[in-house]
PDB file of N, CA and C in Angstrom:
ATOM      1  N   UNK A   1      18.495  -6.049   0.673  1.00  0.00           N
ATOM      2  CA  UNK A   1      18.903  -4.938  -0.135  1.00  0.00           C
ATOM      3  C   UNK A   1      18.537  -3.638   0.575  1.00  0.00           C
ATOM      4  N   UNK A   2      19.547  -2.871   0.906  1.00  0.00           N
ATOM      5  CA  UNK A   2      19.326  -1.619   1.625  1.00  0.00           C
ATOM      6  C   UNK A   2      18.960  -0.512   0.651  1.00  0.00           C
ATOM      7  N   UNK A   3      18.046   0.313   1.084  1.00  0.00           N
ATOM      8  CA  UNK A   3      17.610   1.439   0.267  1.00  0.00           C
ATOM      9  C   UNK A   3      18.499   2.648   0.539  1.00  0.00           C
ATOM     10  N   UNK A   4      18.746   3.428  -0.497  1.00  0.00           N
ATOM     11  CA  UNK A   4      19.443   4.685  -0.294  1.00  0.00           C
ATOM     12  C   UNK A   4      18.462   5.678   0.317  1.00  0.00           C
ATOM     13  N   UNK A   5      18.986   6.768   0.848  1.00  0.00           N
ATOM     14  CA  UNK A   5      18.111   7.781   1.429  1.00  0.00           C
ATOM     15  C   UNK A   5      17.157   8.348   0.379  1.00  0.00           C
ATOM     16  N   UNK A   6      17.634   8.498  -0.848  1.00  0.00           N
ATOM     17  CA  UNK A   6      16.798   9.023  -1.922  1.00  0.00           C
ATOM     18  C   UNK A   6      15.673   8.044  -2.258  1.00  0.00           C
ATOM     19  N   UNK A   7      15.990   6.739  -2.338  1.00  0.00           N
ATOM     20  CA  UNK A   7      14.964   5.725  -2.610  1.00  0.00           C
ATOM     21  C   UNK A   7      13.946   5.665  -1.477  1.00  0.00           C
ATOM     22  N   UNK A   8      14.453   5.725  -0.237  1.00  0.00           N
ATOM     23  CA  UNK A   8      13.569   5.682   0.927  1.00  0.00           C
ATOM     24  C   UNK A   8      12.627   6.888   0.934  1.00  0.00           C
ATOM     25  N   UNK A   9      13.138   8.066   0.603  1.00  0.00           N
ATOM     26  CA  UNK A   9      12.313   9.272   0.575  1.00  0.00           C
ATOM     27  C   UNK A   9      11.249   9.169  -0.522  1.00  0.00           C
ATOM     28  N   UNK A  10      11.624   8.624  -1.683  1.00  0.00           N
ATOM     29  CA  UNK A  10      10.662   8.472  -2.779  1.00  0.00           C
ATOM     30  C   UNK A  10       9.565   7.490  -2.401  1.00  0.00           C
ATOM     31  N   UNK A  11       9.938   6.361  -1.776  1.00  0.00           N
ATOM     32  CA  UNK A  11       8.933   5.379  -1.353  1.00  0.00           C
ATOM     33  C   UNK A  11       8.023   5.952  -0.271  1.00  0.00           C
ATOM     34  N   UNK A  12       8.602   6.706   0.659  1.00  0.00           N
ATOM     35  CA  UNK A  12       7.801   7.313   1.724  1.00  0.00           C
ATOM     36  C   UNK A  12       6.803   8.309   1.140  1.00  0.00           C
ATOM     37  N   UNK A  13       7.214   9.068   0.138  1.00  0.00           N
ATOM     38  CA  UNK A  13       6.300  10.017  -0.504  1.00  0.00           C
ATOM     39  C   UNK A  13       5.176   9.274  -1.216  1.00  0.00           C
ATOM     40  N   UNK A  14       5.513   8.178  -1.893  1.00  0.00           N
ATOM     41  CA  UNK A  14       4.488   7.372  -2.565  1.00  0.00           C
ATOM     42  C   UNK A  14       3.514   6.795  -1.557  1.00  0.00           C
ATOM     43  N   UNK A  15       4.047   6.308  -0.436  1.00  0.00           N
ATOM     44  CA  UNK A  15       3.205   5.730   0.607  1.00  0.00           C
ATOM     45  C   UNK A  15       2.239   6.773   1.156  1.00  0.00           C
ATOM     46  N   UNK A  16       2.735   7.957   1.427  1.00  0.00           N
ATOM     47  CA  UNK A  16       1.876   9.008   1.958  1.00  0.00           C
ATOM     48  C   UNK A  16       0.785   9.380   0.958  1.00  0.00           C
ATOM     49  N   UNK A  17       1.134   9.468  -0.316  1.00  0.00           N
ATOM     50  CA  UNK A  17       0.140   9.794  -1.340  1.00  0.00           C
ATOM     51  C   UNK A  17      -0.889   8.677  -1.482  1.00  0.00           C
ATOM     52  N   UNK A  18      -0.445   7.420  -1.402  1.00  0.00           N
ATOM     53  CA  UNK A  18      -1.358   6.289  -1.504  1.00  0.00           C
ATOM     54  C   UNK A  18      -2.310   6.243  -0.308  1.00  0.00           C
ATOM     55  N   UNK A  19      -1.783   6.537   0.876  1.00  0.00           N
ATOM     56  CA  UNK A  19      -2.644   6.571   2.066  1.00  0.00           C
ATOM     57  C   UNK A  19      -3.690   7.680   1.945  1.00  0.00           C
ATOM     58  N   UNK A  20      -3.280   8.829   1.413  1.00  0.00           N
ATOM     59  CA  UNK A  20      -4.226   9.923   1.219  1.00  0.00           C
ATOM     60  C   UNK A  20      -5.281   9.542   0.183  1.00  0.00           C
ATOM     61  N   UNK A  21      -4.869   8.848  -0.873  1.00  0.00           N
ATOM     62  CA  UNK A  21      -5.823   8.403  -1.897  1.00  0.00           C
ATOM     63  C   UNK A  21      -6.836   7.439  -1.289  1.00  0.00           C
ATOM     64  N   UNK A  22      -6.366   6.507  -0.444  1.00  0.00           N
ATOM     65  CA  UNK A  22      -7.281   5.583   0.218  1.00  0.00           C
ATOM     66  C   UNK A  22      -8.254   6.348   1.108  1.00  0.00           C
ATOM     67  N   UNK A  23      -7.752   7.332   1.814  1.00  0.00           N
ATOM     68  CA  UNK A  23      -8.618   8.157   2.664  1.00  0.00           C
ATOM     69  C   UNK A  23      -9.700   8.834   1.823  1.00  0.00           C
ATOM     70  N   UNK A  24      -9.311   9.374   0.670  1.00  0.00           N
ATOM     71  CA  UNK A  24     -10.290  10.037  -0.195  1.00  0.00           C
ATOM     72  C   UNK A  24     -11.372   9.054  -0.656  1.00  0.00           C
ATOM     73  N   UNK A  25     -10.981   7.819  -0.974  1.00  0.00           N
ATOM     74  CA  UNK A  25     -11.977   6.815  -1.356  1.00  0.00           C
ATOM     75  C   UNK A  25     -12.891   6.476  -0.186  1.00  0.00           C
ATOM     76  N   UNK A  26     -12.292   6.374   1.003  1.00  0.00           N
ATOM     77  CA  UNK A  26     -13.075   6.012   2.187  1.00  0.00           C
ATOM     78  C   UNK A  26     -14.105   7.078   2.542  1.00  0.00           C
ATOM     79  N   UNK A  27     -13.805   8.336   2.252  1.00  0.00           N
ATOM     80  CA  UNK A  27     -14.760   9.393   2.614  1.00  0.00           C
ATOM     81  C   UNK A  27     -15.727   9.717   1.476  1.00  0.00           C
ATOM     82  N   UNK A  28     -15.693   8.889   0.423  1.00  0.00           N
ATOM     83  CA  UNK A  28     -16.738   9.002  -0.587  1.00  0.00           C
ATOM     84  C   UNK A  28     -16.327   9.473  -1.963  1.00  0.00           C
ATOM     85  N   UNK A  29     -15.081   9.797  -2.163  1.00  0.00           N
ATOM     86  CA  UNK A  29     -14.673  10.191  -3.511  1.00  0.00           C
ATOM     87  C   UNK A  29     -14.771   8.983  -4.424  1.00  0.00           C
ATOM     88  N   UNK A  30     -15.234   9.169  -5.635  1.00  0.00           N
ATOM     89  CA  UNK A  30     -15.508   8.025  -6.508  1.00  0.00           C
ATOM     90  C   UNK A  30     -14.268   7.469  -7.190  1.00  0.00           C
ATOM     91  N   UNK A  31     -13.241   8.312  -7.406  1.00  0.00           N
ATOM     92  CA  UNK A  31     -12.026   7.831  -8.070  1.00  0.00           C
ATOM     93  C   UNK A  31     -10.855   8.711  -7.681  1.00  0.00           C
ATOM     94  N   UNK A  32      -9.690   8.091  -7.547  1.00  0.00           N
ATOM     95  CA  UNK A  32      -8.451   8.822  -7.280  1.00  0.00           C
ATOM     96  C   UNK A  32      -7.390   8.301  -8.231  1.00  0.00           C
ATOM     97  N   UNK A  33      -6.356   9.111  -8.488  1.00  0.00           N
ATOM     98  CA  UNK A  33      -5.267   8.648  -9.338  1.00  0.00           C
ATOM     99  C   UNK A  33      -3.946   9.043  -8.714  1.00  0.00           C
ATOM    100  N   UNK A  34      -2.945   8.203  -8.945  1.00  0.00           N
ATOM    101  CA  UNK A  34      -1.589   8.424  -8.463  1.00  0.00           C
ATOM    102  C   UNK A  34      -0.668   8.424  -9.674  1.00  0.00           C
ATOM    103  N   UNK A  35       0.340   9.286  -9.673  1.00  0.00           N
ATOM    104  CA  UNK A  35       1.282   9.363 -10.786  1.00  0.00           C
ATOM    105  C   UNK A  35       2.710   9.243 -10.276  1.00  0.00           C
ATOM    106  N   UNK A  36       3.472   8.323 -10.866  1.00  0.00           N
ATOM    107  CA  UNK A  36       4.874   8.143 -10.519  1.00  0.00           C
ATOM    108  C   UNK A  36       5.682   7.940 -11.774  1.00  0.00           C
ATOM    109  N   UNK A  37       6.684   8.768 -11.956  1.00  0.00           N
ATOM    110  CA  UNK A  37       7.597   8.639 -13.094  1.00  0.00           C
ATOM    111  C   UNK A  37       6.851   8.514 -14.411  1.00  0.00           C
ATOM    112  N   UNK A  38       5.824   9.301 -14.608  1.00  0.00           N
ATOM    113  CA  UNK A  38       5.071   9.282 -15.847  1.00  0.00           C
ATOM    114  C   UNK A  38       4.070   8.149 -15.974  1.00  0.00           C
ATOM    115  N   UNK A  39       3.968   7.304 -14.970  1.00  0.00           N
ATOM    116  CA  UNK A  39       3.018   6.187 -14.988  1.00  0.00           C
ATOM    117  C   UNK A  39       1.847   6.519 -14.075  1.00  0.00           C
ATOM    118  N   UNK A  40       0.639   6.452 -14.613  1.00  0.00           N
ATOM    119  CA  UNK A  40      -0.552   6.794 -13.839  1.00  0.00           C
ATOM    120  C   UNK A  40      -1.281   5.530 -13.395  1.00  0.00           C
ATOM    121  N   UNK A  41      -1.761   5.559 -12.164  1.00  0.00           N
ATOM    122  CA  UNK A  41      -2.581   4.478 -11.632  1.00  0.00           C
ATOM    123  C   UNK A  41      -3.870   5.107 -11.132  1.00  0.00           C
ATOM    124  N   UNK A  42      -4.995   4.565 -11.542  1.00  0.00           N
ATOM    125  CA  UNK A  42      -6.292   5.075 -11.107  1.00  0.00           C
ATOM    126  C   UNK A  42      -6.991   4.005 -10.280  1.00  0.00           C
ATOM    127  N   UNK A  43      -7.615   4.443  -9.203  1.00  0.00           N
ATOM    128  CA  UNK A  43      -8.345   3.535  -8.325  1.00  0.00           C
ATOM    129  C   UNK A  43      -9.739   4.076  -8.127  1.00  0.00           C
ATOM    130  N   UNK A  44     -10.728   3.217  -8.287  1.00  0.00           N
ATOM    131  CA  UNK A  44     -12.116   3.568  -8.013  1.00  0.00           C
ATOM    132  C   UNK A  44     -12.493   2.979  -6.657  1.00  0.00           C
ATOM    133  N   UNK A  45     -13.667   3.337  -6.186  1.00  0.00           N
ATOM    134  CA  UNK A  45     -14.109   2.840  -4.880  1.00  0.00           C
ATOM    135  C   UNK A  45     -14.075   1.318  -4.818  1.00  0.00           C
ATOM    136  N   UNK A  46     -14.363   0.663  -5.922  1.00  0.00           N
ATOM    137  CA  UNK A  46     -14.356  -0.799  -5.953  1.00  0.00           C
ATOM    138  C   UNK A  46     -12.941  -1.372  -5.885  1.00  0.00           C
ATOM    139  N   UNK A  47     -11.919  -0.537  -6.089  1.00  0.00           N
ATOM    140  CA  UNK A  47     -10.527  -0.986  -6.092  1.00  0.00           C
ATOM    141  C   UNK A  47      -9.822  -0.757  -4.758  1.00  0.00           C
ATOM    142  N   UNK A  48     -10.574  -0.543  -3.704  1.00  0.00           N
ATOM    143  CA  UNK A  48      -9.947  -0.284  -2.399  1.00  0.00           C
ATOM    144  C   UNK A  48      -8.983  -1.391  -2.004  1.00  0.00           C
ATOM    145  N   UNK A  49      -9.357  -2.640  -2.283  1.00  0.00           N
ATOM    146  CA  UNK A  49      -8.488  -3.769  -1.939  1.00  0.00           C
ATOM    147  C   UNK A  49      -7.158  -3.699  -2.663  1.00  0.00           C
ATOM    148  N   UNK A  50      -7.172  -3.333  -3.927  1.00  0.00           N
ATOM    149  CA  UNK A  50      -5.935  -3.195  -4.697  1.00  0.00           C
ATOM    150  C   UNK A  50      -5.074  -2.066  -4.143  1.00  0.00           C
ATOM    151  N   UNK A  51      -5.700  -0.973  -3.771  1.00  0.00           N
ATOM    152  CA  UNK A  51      -4.958   0.146  -3.202  1.00  0.00           C
ATOM    153  C   UNK A  51      -4.367  -0.240  -1.855  1.00  0.00           C
ATOM    154  N   UNK A  52      -5.120  -0.966  -1.045  1.00  0.00           N
ATOM    155  CA  UNK A  52      -4.581  -1.424   0.244  1.00  0.00           C
ATOM    156  C   UNK A  52      -3.385  -2.365   0.025  1.00  0.00           C
ATOM    157  N   UNK A  53      -3.468  -3.224  -0.983  1.00  0.00           N
ATOM    158  CA  UNK A  53      -2.370  -4.129  -1.302  1.00  0.00           C
ATOM    159  C   UNK A  53      -1.141  -3.333  -1.748  1.00  0.00           C
ATOM    160  N   UNK A  54      -1.347  -2.305  -2.538  1.00  0.00           N
ATOM    161  CA  UNK A  54      -0.256  -1.436  -2.975  1.00  0.00           C
ATOM    162  C   UNK A  54       0.400  -0.771  -1.764  1.00  0.00           C
ATOM    163  N   UNK A  55      -0.409  -0.291  -0.826  1.00  0.00           N
ATOM    164  CA  UNK A  55       0.110   0.338   0.389  1.00  0.00           C
ATOM    165  C   UNK A  55       0.914  -0.666   1.197  1.00  0.00           C
ATOM    166  N   UNK A  56       0.405  -1.892   1.348  1.00  0.00           N
ATOM    167  CA  UNK A  56       1.140  -2.928   2.084  1.00  0.00           C
ATOM    168  C   UNK A  56       2.484  -3.218   1.422  1.00  0.00           C
ATOM    169  N   UNK A  57       2.509  -3.224   0.093  1.00  0.00           N
ATOM    170  CA  UNK A  57       3.758  -3.458  -0.625  1.00  0.00           C
ATOM    171  C   UNK A  57       4.776  -2.352  -0.372  1.00  0.00           C
ATOM    172  N   UNK A  58       4.319  -1.105  -0.379  1.00  0.00           N
ATOM    173  CA  UNK A  58       5.212   0.014  -0.082  1.00  0.00           C
ATOM    174  C   UNK A  58       5.718  -0.067   1.357  1.00  0.00           C
ATOM    175  N   UNK A  59       4.824  -0.392   2.283  1.00  0.00           N
ATOM    176  CA  UNK A  59       5.227  -0.535   3.685  1.00  0.00           C
ATOM    177  C   UNK A  59       6.269  -1.630   3.844  1.00  0.00           C
ATOM    178  N   UNK A  60       6.111  -2.729   3.120  1.00  0.00           N
ATOM    179  CA  UNK A  60       7.072  -3.829   3.190  1.00  0.00           C
ATOM    180  C   UNK A  60       8.432  -3.388   2.638  1.00  0.00           C
ATOM    181  N   UNK A  61       8.438  -2.644   1.544  1.00  0.00           N
ATOM    182  CA  UNK A  61       9.696  -2.170   0.974  1.00  0.00           C
ATOM    183  C   UNK A  61      10.420  -1.229   1.928  1.00  0.00           C
ATOM    184  N   UNK A  62       9.653  -0.466   2.702  1.00  0.00           N
ATOM    185  CA  UNK A  62      10.241   0.458   3.666  1.00  0.00           C
ATOM    186  C   UNK A  62      10.579  -0.217   4.995  1.00  0.00           C
ATOM    187  N   UNK A  63      10.251  -1.499   5.136  1.00  0.00           N
ATOM    188  CA  UNK A  63      10.534  -2.210   6.375  1.00  0.00           C
ATOM    189  C   UNK A  63       9.532  -1.917   7.473  1.00  0.00           C
ATOM    190  N   UNK A  64       8.381  -1.369   7.117  1.00  0.00           N
ATOM    191  CA  UNK A  64       7.352  -1.045   8.107  1.00  0.00           C
ATOM    192  C   UNK A  64       6.391  -2.200   8.336  1.00  0.00           C
ATOM    193  N   UNK A  65       6.497  -3.233   7.518  1.00  0.00           N
ATOM    194  CA  UNK A  65       5.576  -4.363   7.588  1.00  0.00           C
ATOM    195  C   UNK A  65       6.346  -5.626   7.244  1.00  0.00           C
ATOM    196  N   UNK A  66       6.022  -6.682   7.939  1.00  0.00           N
ATOM    197  CA  UNK A  66       6.590  -7.983   7.602  1.00  0.00           C
ATOM    198  C   UNK A  66       5.928  -8.486   6.334  1.00  0.00           C
ATOM    199  N   UNK A  67       6.691  -9.082   5.426  1.00  0.00           N
ATOM    200  CA  UNK A  67       6.105  -9.545   4.175  1.00  0.00           C
ATOM    201  C   UNK A  67       5.308 -10.830   4.348  1.00  0.00           C
ATOM    202  N   UNK A  68       5.685 -11.648   5.298  1.00  0.00           N
ATOM    203  CA  UNK A  68       4.959 -12.900   5.521  1.00  0.00           C
ATOM    204  C   UNK A  68       4.334 -12.858   6.914  1.00  0.00           C
ATOM    205  N   UNK A  69       3.091 -13.249   6.993  1.00  0.00           N
ATOM    206  CA  UNK A  69       2.411 -13.282   8.283  1.00  0.00           C
ATOM    207  C   UNK A  69       2.281 -14.719   8.739  1.00  0.00           C
ATOM    208  N   UNK A  70       2.463 -14.897  10.020  1.00  0.00           N
ATOM    209  CA  UNK A  70       2.244 -16.222  10.589  1.00  0.00           C
ATOM    210  C   UNK A  70       0.743 -16.494  10.603  1.00  0.00           C
ATOM    211  N   UNK A  71       0.372 -17.630  10.141  1.00  0.00           N
ATOM    212  CA  UNK A  71      -1.052 -17.989  10.117  1.00  0.00           C
ATOM    213  C   UNK A  71      -1.356 -18.847  11.338  1.00  0.00           C
ATOM    214  N   UNK A  72      -2.521 -18.630  11.892  1.00  0.00           N
ATOM    215  CA  UNK A  72      -2.905 -19.439  13.027  1.00  0.00           C
ATOM    216  C   UNK A  72      -3.252 -20.852  12.546  1.00  0.00           C
ATOM    217  N   UNK A  73      -3.019 -21.803  13.388  1.00  0.00           N
ATOM    218  CA  UNK A  73      -3.329 -23.184  13.061  1.00  0.00           C
ATOM    219  C   UNK A  73      -4.661 -23.548  13.687  1.00  0.00           C
ATOM    220  N   UNK A  74      -5.372 -24.383  13.029  1.00  0.00           N
ATOM    221  CA  UNK A  74      -6.652 -24.835  13.551  1.00  0.00           C
ATOM    222  C   UNK A  74      -6.479 -25.695  14.800  1.00  0.00           C
ATOM    223  N   UNK A  75      -7.486 -25.774  15.577  1.00  0.00           N
ATOM    224  CA  UNK A  75      -7.459 -26.590  16.781  1.00  0.00           C
ATOM    225  C   UNK A  75      -7.692 -28.042  16.391  1.00  0.00           C
ATOM    226  N   UNK A  76      -6.877 -28.927  16.913  1.00  0.00           N
ATOM    227  CA  UNK A  76      -7.022 -30.353  16.634  1.00  0.00           C
ATOM    228  C   UNK A  76      -7.420 -31.043  17.916  1.00  0.00           C
ATOM    229  N   UNK A  77      -8.545 -31.705  17.892  1.00  0.00           N
ATOM    230  CA  UNK A  77      -9.003 -32.452  19.058  1.00  0.00           C
ATOM    231  C   UNK A  77      -8.614 -33.907  18.872  1.00  0.00           C
ATOM    232  N   UNK A  78      -7.903 -34.445  19.842  1.00  0.00           N
ATOM    233  CA  UNK A  78      -7.374 -35.787  19.727  1.00  0.00           C
ATOM    234  C   UNK A  78      -8.255 -36.810  20.214  1.00  0.00           C
TER     235      UNK A  78
END
C-alpha cells in the first residue's frame, strides 16, 4: 500500500516528534507526551521501550525499516 505525499509527511512529522521525545527521556526528562488528531500518548522514563517500538513502527510504515528481521541460527555441532 503506497502512501500519499500527505500521509508520508504526517508520518514523518510524527516520527520526528517521537524521536525528539525519546531524546528528551534519554537526557533525563521524567515524562513526555505526544498528540495526534486529538489523541494523547504519554511516555515516562520507564516506557522507553514502548516509545522505541512506536518509532520502529513509524519507520516501518515509511519504508525506513524492514518489518521482519532475520534471526541468526544457533551453531549445531555434528
